[in-house]
Amino acid sequence: MSGSFLRLSELKRWYIKLKAMHKTLSGEANLECIEPELAVAMKAGSLGHITMEVDITPDNLTQKHWFQFNIDQSYLAELISQCETIFSIYA
């Protein structure tokens, strides 16, 4: 099996950062993985806007796929809830 693997410990670190961002509506919440094929960076801006950058690739030596988009702070609650569901199943 090939591809990126997200470790539960990496997801938990991101979850803690997401909760802090949701509470303060400031700062950053970056998903930092050992795998070089996946990275997510979220940065809170003004008026509850969050810039989200996603780096993902099936082959980090020959390809790079990068997306940037803005999301609203209201998306954080659902993302946090989805993390909690994962923890309830796998932790």
Protein backbone atom coordinates (compact mmCIF):
# COMPACT_ATOMS: atom_id res chain seq x y z
CA MET A 1 0.00 0.00 0.00
CA SER A 2 1.37 3.42 -0.91
CA GLY A 3 0.36 6.98 -0.20
CA SER A 4 0.26 9.26 2.79
CA PHE A 5 -0.66 8.09 6.22
CA LEU A 6 -1.99 10.47 8.84
CA ARG A 7 -1.05 9.43 12.35
CA LEU A 8 -3.52 9.86 15.18
CA SER A 9 -0.94 11.84 17.16
CA GLU A 10 -0.59 14.30 14.25
CA LEU A 11 -4.35 14.69 14.06
CA LYS A 12 -4.54 15.29 17.83
CA ARG A 13 -1.93 18.06 17.65
CA TRP A 14 -3.91 19.71 14.84
CA TYR A 15 -7.15 19.29 16.81
CA ILE A 16 -5.67 21.16 19.79
CA LYS A 17 -4.61 24.01 17.50
CA LEU A 18 -8.04 24.07 15.83
CA LYS A 19 -9.76 24.35 19.21
CA ALA A 20 -7.50 27.25 20.20
CA MET A 21 -8.18 29.00 16.89
CA HIS A 22 -11.91 28.47 17.31
CA LYS A 23 -11.82 29.92 20.82
CA THR A 24 -9.70 33.00 20.05
CA LEU A 25 -10.37 33.44 16.31
CA SER A 26 -6.67 34.14 15.92
CA GLY A 27 -3.42 32.35 15.26
CA GLU A 28 -2.59 29.36 13.12
CA ALA A 29 -3.57 25.71 13.04
CA ASN A 30 -1.24 23.68 10.87
CA LEU A 31 -1.50 19.96 10.24
CA GLU A 32 2.11 18.84 10.36
CA CYS A 33 2.76 15.33 9.13
CA ILE A 34 5.84 13.18 8.91
CA GLU A 35 4.71 12.31 5.41
CA PRO A 36 5.96 14.79 2.79
CA GLU A 37 2.88 14.27 0.60
CA LEU A 38 0.42 16.19 2.79
CA ALA A 39 0.35 19.50 4.67
CA VAL A 40 -2.45 21.83 5.72
CA ALA A 41 -1.92 25.37 6.99
CA MET A 42 -4.71 27.52 8.40
CA LYS A 43 -4.26 31.14 9.43
CA ALA A 44 -6.91 33.31 11.03
CA GLY A 45 -7.36 36.76 9.58
CA SER A 46 -9.68 39.64 10.23
CA LEU A 47 -13.44 39.38 10.59
CA GLY A 48 -13.38 35.63 11.19
CA HIS A 49 -11.89 34.72 7.83
CA ILE A 50 -9.40 31.86 7.69
CA THR A 51 -6.95 31.25 4.89
CA MET A 52 -6.40 27.55 4.28
CA GLU A 53 -3.53 26.16 2.22
CA VAL A 54 -3.31 22.51 1.25
CA ASP A 55 -0.22 20.84 -0.20
CA ILE A 56 -0.89 17.34 -1.46
CA THR A 57 0.78 15.10 -4.00
CA PRO A 58 1.00 11.41 -4.87
CA ASP A 59 4.73 11.83 -5.62
CA ASN A 60 6.61 14.55 -3.77
CA LEU A 61 9.71 14.09 -5.92
CA THR A 62 8.05 14.94 -9.25
CA GLN A 63 4.77 16.71 -8.47
CA LYS A 64 3.32 19.43 -6.30
CA HIS A 65 -0.34 20.32 -5.92
CA TRP A 66 -1.19 23.40 -3.90
CA PHE A 67 -4.58 24.92 -3.12
CA GLN A 68 -5.42 28.08 -1.23
CA PHE A 69 -8.89 29.20 -0.31
CA ASN A 70 -10.70 31.20 2.34
CA ILE A 71 -13.13 29.67 4.77
CA ASP A 72 -15.35 31.16 7.42
CA GLN A 73 -14.81 30.59 11.14
CA SER A 74 -18.12 28.71 11.25
CA TYR A 75 -16.43 25.73 9.55
CA LEU A 76 -14.14 25.17 12.54
CA ALA A 77 -16.85 23.71 14.79
CA GLU A 78 -17.67 20.97 12.27
CA LEU A 79 -14.01 20.17 11.66
CA ILE A 80 -13.42 19.89 15.42
CA SER A 81 -16.48 17.64 15.73
CA GLN A 82 -15.22 15.38 12.94
CA CYS A 83 -11.86 15.04 14.70
CA GLU A 84 -13.66 14.08 17.91
CA THR A 85 -15.58 11.40 16.02
CA ILE A 86 -12.31 9.97 14.71
CA PHE A 87 -10.87 9.95 18.25
CA SER A 88 -13.93 8.18 19.63
CA ILE A 89 -13.47 5.41 17.07
CA TYR A 90 -9.69 5.03 16.97
CA ALA A 91 -8.33 6.34 20.27
